[in-house]
Amino acid sequence: QVQVVESGGGLVQPGGSLRLTCEASGFDFNSYAFSWYRQAPGKEREFVTTISSFNRVTAQADSVRGRFTISRDNAKRTVYLQMNSLKPEDTAVYYCKAVRSPYGYWGQGTTVTVST
């Protein structure tokens, strides 16, 4: 059974940090790339960043460059998104996606709220 489960969201003040976790099971974790997406209230889902199966960050949105870092731990079957210097506009539901063409598996999302 394929599972992709995000966690680590919450309420944080502007300028603060959070680390999101994406735990995956039911498929060959090491051979998949992983991406983070986010969807703000009333907006379409947008791409955030991707890490390849070879542990390289292959793409990142301009809006998060220099603030967000994606990483993976194959032994733990886990992908992380370290988010620093958070801004109110980072408020969104964050989704993890495992990708190996033609397959793609989404998680259910974790909510991040950046507010005073």
N, C-alpha and C. Protein backbone atom coordinates (compact mmCIF):
# COMPACT_ATOMS: atom_id res chain seq x y z
N GLN A 1 0.85 -1.20 0.00
CA GLN A 1 0.00 0.00 0.00
C GLN A 1 0.88 1.24 0.00
N VAL A 2 0.66 2.10 -0.99
CA VAL A 2 1.43 3.33 -1.10
C VAL A 2 0.92 4.35 -0.09
N GLN A 3 1.86 4.93 0.65
CA GLN A 3 1.51 6.01 1.58
C GLN A 3 2.54 7.12 1.50
N VAL A 4 2.04 8.34 1.46
CA VAL A 4 2.87 9.54 1.54
C VAL A 4 2.22 10.43 2.58
N VAL A 5 2.92 10.68 3.67
CA VAL A 5 2.32 11.37 4.81
C VAL A 5 3.18 12.56 5.23
N GLU A 6 2.59 13.75 5.15
CA GLU A 6 3.28 14.96 5.59
C GLU A 6 2.95 15.27 7.05
N SER A 7 3.89 15.92 7.72
CA SER A 7 3.67 16.39 9.08
C SER A 7 4.59 17.57 9.36
N GLY A 8 4.38 18.22 10.48
CA GLY A 8 5.25 19.30 10.90
C GLY A 8 4.69 20.70 10.70
N GLY A 9 3.52 20.79 10.12
CA GLY A 9 2.92 22.11 9.95
C GLY A 9 2.46 22.69 11.27
N GLY A 10 2.10 23.96 11.22
CA GLY A 10 1.62 24.62 12.43
C GLY A 10 1.59 26.11 12.26
N LEU A 11 1.42 26.79 13.38
CA LEU A 11 1.39 28.25 13.41
C LEU A 11 2.76 28.78 13.83
N VAL A 12 3.28 29.72 13.06
CA VAL A 12 4.59 30.29 13.36
C VAL A 12 4.55 31.79 13.07
N GLN A 13 5.32 32.54 13.81
CA GLN A 13 5.37 33.99 13.60
C GLN A 13 6.25 34.32 12.39
N PRO A 14 6.00 35.44 11.76
CA PRO A 14 6.88 35.88 10.67
C PRO A 14 8.34 35.92 11.12
N GLY A 15 9.21 35.43 10.25
CA GLY A 15 10.63 35.34 10.59
C GLY A 15 11.02 34.03 11.24
N GLY A 16 10.05 33.23 11.61
CA GLY A 16 10.32 31.97 12.27
C GLY A 16 10.65 30.84 11.30
N SER A 17 10.81 29.64 11.87
CA SER A 17 11.18 28.47 11.07
C SER A 17 10.28 27.29 11.40
N LEU A 18 10.15 26.41 10.42
CA LEU A 18 9.47 25.14 10.59
C LEU A 18 10.18 24.11 9.73
N ARG A 19 10.10 22.85 10.14
CA ARG A 19 10.60 21.77 9.30
C ARG A 19 9.45 20.80 9.03
N LEU A 20 9.12 20.65 7.78
CA LEU A 20 8.10 19.69 7.37
C LEU A 20 8.75 18.35 7.07
N THR A 21 8.00 17.30 7.33
CA THR A 21 8.46 15.94 7.10
C THR A 21 7.50 15.21 6.18
N CYS A 22 8.05 14.43 5.28
CA CYS A 22 7.26 13.61 4.37
C CYS A 22 7.77 12.18 4.48
N GLU A 23 6.94 11.31 5.01
CA GLU A 23 7.31 9.91 5.16
C GLU A 23 6.57 9.07 4.11
N ALA A 24 7.32 8.20 3.44
CA ALA A 24 6.74 7.44 2.33
C ALA A 24 6.97 5.95 2.52
N SER A 25 6.02 5.17 2.02
CA SER A 25 6.15 3.72 2.08
C SER A 25 5.34 3.09 0.96
N GLY A 26 5.62 1.82 0.70
CA GLY A 26 4.85 1.09 -0.30
C GLY A 26 5.39 1.15 -1.71
N PHE A 27 6.56 1.78 -1.90
CA PHE A 27 7.19 1.83 -3.22
C PHE A 27 8.70 2.00 -3.01
N ASP A 28 9.44 1.90 -4.11
CA ASP A 28 10.90 1.97 -4.04
C ASP A 28 11.36 3.40 -3.83
N PHE A 29 11.43 3.80 -2.57
CA PHE A 29 11.71 5.19 -2.20
C PHE A 29 12.93 5.74 -2.91
N ASN A 30 14.01 4.98 -2.94
CA ASN A 30 15.30 5.47 -3.43
C ASN A 30 15.26 5.87 -4.90
N SER A 31 14.34 5.31 -5.66
CA SER A 31 14.31 5.58 -7.10
C SER A 31 13.36 6.72 -7.48
N TYR A 32 12.74 7.33 -6.50
CA TYR A 32 11.79 8.41 -6.76
C TYR A 32 12.39 9.77 -6.43
N ALA A 33 12.05 10.74 -7.26
CA ALA A 33 12.27 12.14 -6.91
C ALA A 33 11.10 12.58 -6.03
N PHE A 34 11.34 13.62 -5.25
CA PHE A 34 10.29 14.15 -4.39
C PHE A 34 10.21 15.66 -4.56
N SER A 35 8.96 16.12 -4.56
CA SER A 35 8.71 17.55 -4.69
C SER A 35 7.79 18.01 -3.56
N TRP A 36 7.95 19.28 -3.23
CA TRP A 36 6.99 19.94 -2.34
C TRP A 36 6.22 20.96 -3.18
N TYR A 37 4.92 20.98 -2.94
CA TYR A 37 4.03 21.98 -3.52
C TYR A 37 3.28 22.64 -2.38
N ARG A 38 2.64 23.74 -2.69
CA ARG A 38 1.80 24.39 -1.68
C ARG A 38 0.59 25.03 -2.34
N GLN A 39 -0.47 25.16 -1.55
CA GLN A 39 -1.68 25.79 -2.03
C GLN A 39 -2.20 26.74 -0.98
N ALA A 40 -2.14 28.02 -1.30
CA ALA A 40 -2.64 29.05 -0.40
C ALA A 40 -4.15 29.17 -0.55
N PRO A 41 -4.83 29.68 0.47
CA PRO A 41 -6.28 29.84 0.39
C PRO A 41 -6.70 30.64 -0.84
N GLY A 42 -7.61 30.08 -1.63
CA GLY A 42 -8.12 30.78 -2.79
C GLY A 42 -7.20 30.80 -3.99
N LYS A 43 -6.08 30.07 -3.92
CA LYS A 43 -5.13 30.07 -5.03
C LYS A 43 -4.89 28.66 -5.53
N GLU A 44 -4.26 28.57 -6.70
CA GLU A 44 -3.93 27.27 -7.25
C GLU A 44 -2.69 26.69 -6.56
N ARG A 45 -2.58 25.38 -6.65
CA ARG A 45 -1.40 24.73 -6.09
C ARG A 45 -0.17 25.15 -6.90
N GLU A 46 0.93 25.44 -6.20
CA GLU A 46 2.14 25.87 -6.89
C GLU A 46 3.33 25.05 -6.44
N PHE A 47 4.29 24.93 -7.36
CA PHE A 47 5.51 24.20 -7.11
C PHE A 47 6.41 24.96 -6.14
N VAL A 48 7.09 24.21 -5.26
CA VAL A 48 8.03 24.82 -4.32
C VAL A 48 9.46 24.39 -4.63
N THR A 49 9.72 23.10 -4.58
CA THR A 49 11.09 22.62 -4.80
C THR A 49 11.09 21.11 -5.04
N THR A 50 12.18 20.62 -5.66
CA THR A 50 12.32 19.21 -5.99
C THR A 50 13.71 18.71 -5.65
N ILE A 51 13.78 17.46 -5.18
CA ILE A 51 15.05 16.79 -4.98
C ILE A 51 15.01 15.49 -5.77
N SER A 52 16.09 15.22 -6.49
CA SER A 52 16.11 14.05 -7.35
C SER A 52 16.40 12.78 -6.55
N SER A 53 16.29 11.66 -7.23
CA SER A 53 16.62 10.37 -6.59
C SER A 53 18.11 10.28 -6.30
N PHE A 54 18.90 11.15 -6.96
CA PHE A 54 20.34 11.19 -6.71
C PHE A 54 20.71 12.24 -5.68
N ASN A 55 19.72 12.71 -4.94
CA ASN A 55 19.93 13.65 -3.82
C ASN A 55 20.43 15.02 -4.29
N ARG A 56 19.98 15.42 -5.47
CA ARG A 56 20.30 16.76 -5.96
C ARG A 56 19.04 17.60 -5.99
N VAL A 57 19.16 18.86 -5.54
CA VAL A 57 18.04 19.78 -5.64
C VAL A 57 18.00 20.29 -7.07
N THR A 58 17.00 19.87 -7.80
CA THR A 58 16.99 20.15 -9.23
C THR A 58 16.14 21.35 -9.62
N ALA A 59 15.31 21.83 -8.71
CA ALA A 59 14.48 22.99 -9.04
C ALA A 59 13.96 23.62 -7.75
N GLN A 60 13.74 24.92 -7.83
CA GLN A 60 13.24 25.64 -6.66
C GLN A 60 12.54 26.90 -7.13
N ALA A 61 11.42 27.20 -6.53
CA ALA A 61 10.69 28.41 -6.89
C ALA A 61 11.45 29.65 -6.42
N ASP A 62 11.38 30.72 -7.20
CA ASP A 62 12.08 31.96 -6.84
C ASP A 62 11.61 32.50 -5.50
N SER A 63 10.36 32.29 -5.19
CA SER A 63 9.79 32.85 -3.96
C SER A 63 10.36 32.23 -2.69
N VAL A 64 10.99 31.06 -2.79
CA VAL A 64 11.53 30.42 -1.59
C VAL A 64 13.04 30.25 -1.63
N ARG A 65 13.65 30.60 -2.74
CA ARG A 65 15.10 30.41 -2.88
C ARG A 65 15.84 31.17 -1.80
N GLY A 66 16.77 30.47 -1.14
CA GLY A 66 17.55 31.08 -0.07
C GLY A 66 16.89 30.96 1.29
N ARG A 67 15.63 30.54 1.32
CA ARG A 67 14.92 30.41 2.61
C ARG A 67 14.52 28.97 2.91
N PHE A 68 14.15 28.23 1.87
CA PHE A 68 13.69 26.84 2.04
C PHE A 68 14.75 25.87 1.52
N THR A 69 14.89 24.75 2.22
CA THR A 69 15.84 23.72 1.81
C THR A 69 15.18 22.35 1.85
N ILE A 70 15.25 21.64 0.75
CA ILE A 70 14.73 20.27 0.70
C ILE A 70 15.89 19.30 0.88
N SER A 71 15.61 18.21 1.58
CA SER A 71 16.62 17.16 1.76
C SER A 71 15.91 15.82 1.89
N ARG A 72 16.68 14.75 1.81
CA ARG A 72 16.09 13.42 1.94
C ARG A 72 17.03 12.51 2.70
N ASP A 73 16.41 11.54 3.40
CA ASP A 73 17.14 10.52 4.12
C ASP A 73 16.59 9.19 3.64
N ASN A 74 17.29 8.55 2.73
CA ASN A 74 16.78 7.32 2.13
C ASN A 74 16.63 6.20 3.16
N ALA A 75 17.53 6.16 4.13
CA ALA A 75 17.46 5.11 5.15
C ALA A 75 16.16 5.21 5.96
N LYS A 76 15.69 6.43 6.14
CA LYS A 76 14.46 6.66 6.91
C LYS A 76 13.24 6.80 6.01
N ARG A 77 13.45 6.75 4.70
CA ARG A 77 12.36 6.92 3.75
C ARG A 77 11.61 8.23 4.02
N THR A 78 12.36 9.27 4.21
CA THR A 78 11.80 10.55 4.63
C THR A 78 12.41 11.69 3.83
N VAL A 79 11.57 12.65 3.50
CA VAL A 79 11.99 13.89 2.84
C VAL A 79 11.63 15.05 3.77
N TYR A 80 12.48 16.04 3.80
CA TYR A 80 12.28 17.19 4.69
C TYR A 80 12.19 18.48 3.88
N LEU A 81 11.50 19.44 4.44
CA LEU A 81 11.50 20.80 3.92
C LEU A 81 11.77 21.74 5.09
N GLN A 82 12.99 22.24 5.15
CA GLN A 82 13.35 23.21 6.18
C GLN A 82 12.97 24.59 5.67
N MET A 83 12.14 25.27 6.43
CA MET A 83 11.64 26.59 6.02
C MET A 83 12.09 27.63 7.03
N ASN A 84 12.89 28.57 6.58
CA ASN A 84 13.39 29.65 7.44
C ASN A 84 12.87 31.00 6.95
N SER A 85 12.99 31.98 7.81
CA SER A 85 12.57 33.35 7.46
C SER A 85 11.17 33.36 6.87
N LEU A 86 10.27 32.70 7.53
CA LEU A 86 8.92 32.56 7.00
C LEU A 86 8.20 33.89 6.93
N LYS A 87 7.36 34.01 5.90
CA LYS A 87 6.59 35.22 5.65
C LYS A 87 5.10 34.88 5.65
N PRO A 88 4.25 35.86 5.90
CA PRO A 88 2.81 35.58 5.86
C PRO A 88 2.37 34.96 4.53
N GLU A 89 3.02 35.33 3.45
CA GLU A 89 2.64 34.78 2.13
C GLU A 89 3.06 33.33 1.94
N ASP A 90 3.78 32.77 2.91
CA ASP A 90 4.10 31.33 2.88
C ASP A 90 2.96 30.50 3.47
N THR A 91 1.95 31.15 4.00
CA THR A 91 0.81 30.44 4.55
C THR A 91 0.12 29.61 3.46
N ALA A 92 -0.01 28.31 3.71
CA ALA A 92 -0.56 27.41 2.69
C ALA A 92 -0.65 26.00 3.26
N VAL A 93 -1.32 25.15 2.53
CA VAL A 93 -1.23 23.71 2.77
C VAL A 93 -0.08 23.21 1.92
N TYR A 94 0.85 22.51 2.55
CA TYR A 94 2.04 22.01 1.87
C TYR A 94 1.88 20.52 1.58
N TYR A 95 2.16 20.17 0.32
CA TYR A 95 1.99 18.80 -0.13
C TYR A 95 3.32 18.22 -0.60
N CYS A 96 3.51 16.95 -0.32
CA CYS A 96 4.66 16.20 -0.78
C CYS A 96 4.21 15.30 -1.92
N LYS A 97 5.05 15.19 -2.95
CA LYS A 97 4.73 14.32 -4.08
C LYS A 97 5.95 13.49 -4.43
N ALA A 98 5.73 12.18 -4.54
CA ALA A 98 6.77 11.26 -5.00
C ALA A 98 6.58 11.04 -6.49
N VAL A 99 7.66 11.15 -7.26
CA VAL A 99 7.53 11.11 -8.72
C VAL A 99 8.57 10.18 -9.33
N ARG A 100 8.10 9.28 -10.14
CA ARG A 100 8.95 8.52 -11.05
C ARG A 100 8.07 8.15 -12.23
N SER A 101 8.31 8.86 -13.31
CA SER A 101 7.42 8.73 -14.46
C SER A 101 7.17 7.27 -14.81
N PRO A 102 5.91 6.88 -15.04
CA PRO A 102 4.70 7.70 -15.09
C PRO A 102 3.93 7.79 -13.78
N TYR A 103 4.59 7.45 -12.69
CA TYR A 103 3.89 7.40 -11.40
C TYR A 103 4.09 8.69 -10.60
N GLY A 104 3.06 9.02 -9.84
CA GLY A 104 3.14 10.16 -8.94
C GLY A 104 2.20 9.94 -7.78
N TYR A 105 2.72 10.10 -6.58
CA TYR A 105 1.92 9.85 -5.39
C TYR A 105 1.91 11.10 -4.51
N TRP A 106 0.71 11.57 -4.18
CA TRP A 106 0.55 12.76 -3.35
C TRP A 106 0.22 12.39 -1.91
N GLY A 107 0.66 13.23 -1.00
CA GLY A 107 0.19 13.14 0.37
C GLY A 107 -1.04 14.00 0.56
N GLN A 108 -1.56 14.01 1.78
CA GLN A 108 -2.79 14.74 2.08
C GLN A 108 -2.52 16.19 2.49
N GLY A 109 -1.28 16.51 2.76
CA GLY A 109 -0.94 17.90 3.06
C GLY A 109 -0.84 18.19 4.55
N THR A 110 -0.06 19.22 4.85
CA THR A 110 0.05 19.73 6.21
C THR A 110 -0.03 21.26 6.15
N THR A 111 -0.73 21.85 7.08
CA THR A 111 -1.03 23.28 7.01
C THR A 111 0.02 24.11 7.75
N VAL A 112 0.52 25.12 7.07
CA VAL A 112 1.45 26.08 7.65
C VAL A 112 0.78 27.45 7.67
N THR A 113 0.76 28.06 8.83
CA THR A 113 0.19 29.39 8.98
C THR A 113 1.26 30.31 9.57
N VAL A 114 1.56 31.38 8.84
CA VAL A 114 2.55 32.34 9.29
C VAL A 114 1.81 33.63 9.65
N SER A 115 1.77 33.91 10.94
CA SER A 115 0.96 35.04 11.40
C SER A 115 1.39 35.45 12.79
N THR A 116 1.11 36.72 13.10
CA THR A 116 1.34 37.19 14.46
C THR A 116 0.12 36.90 15.33
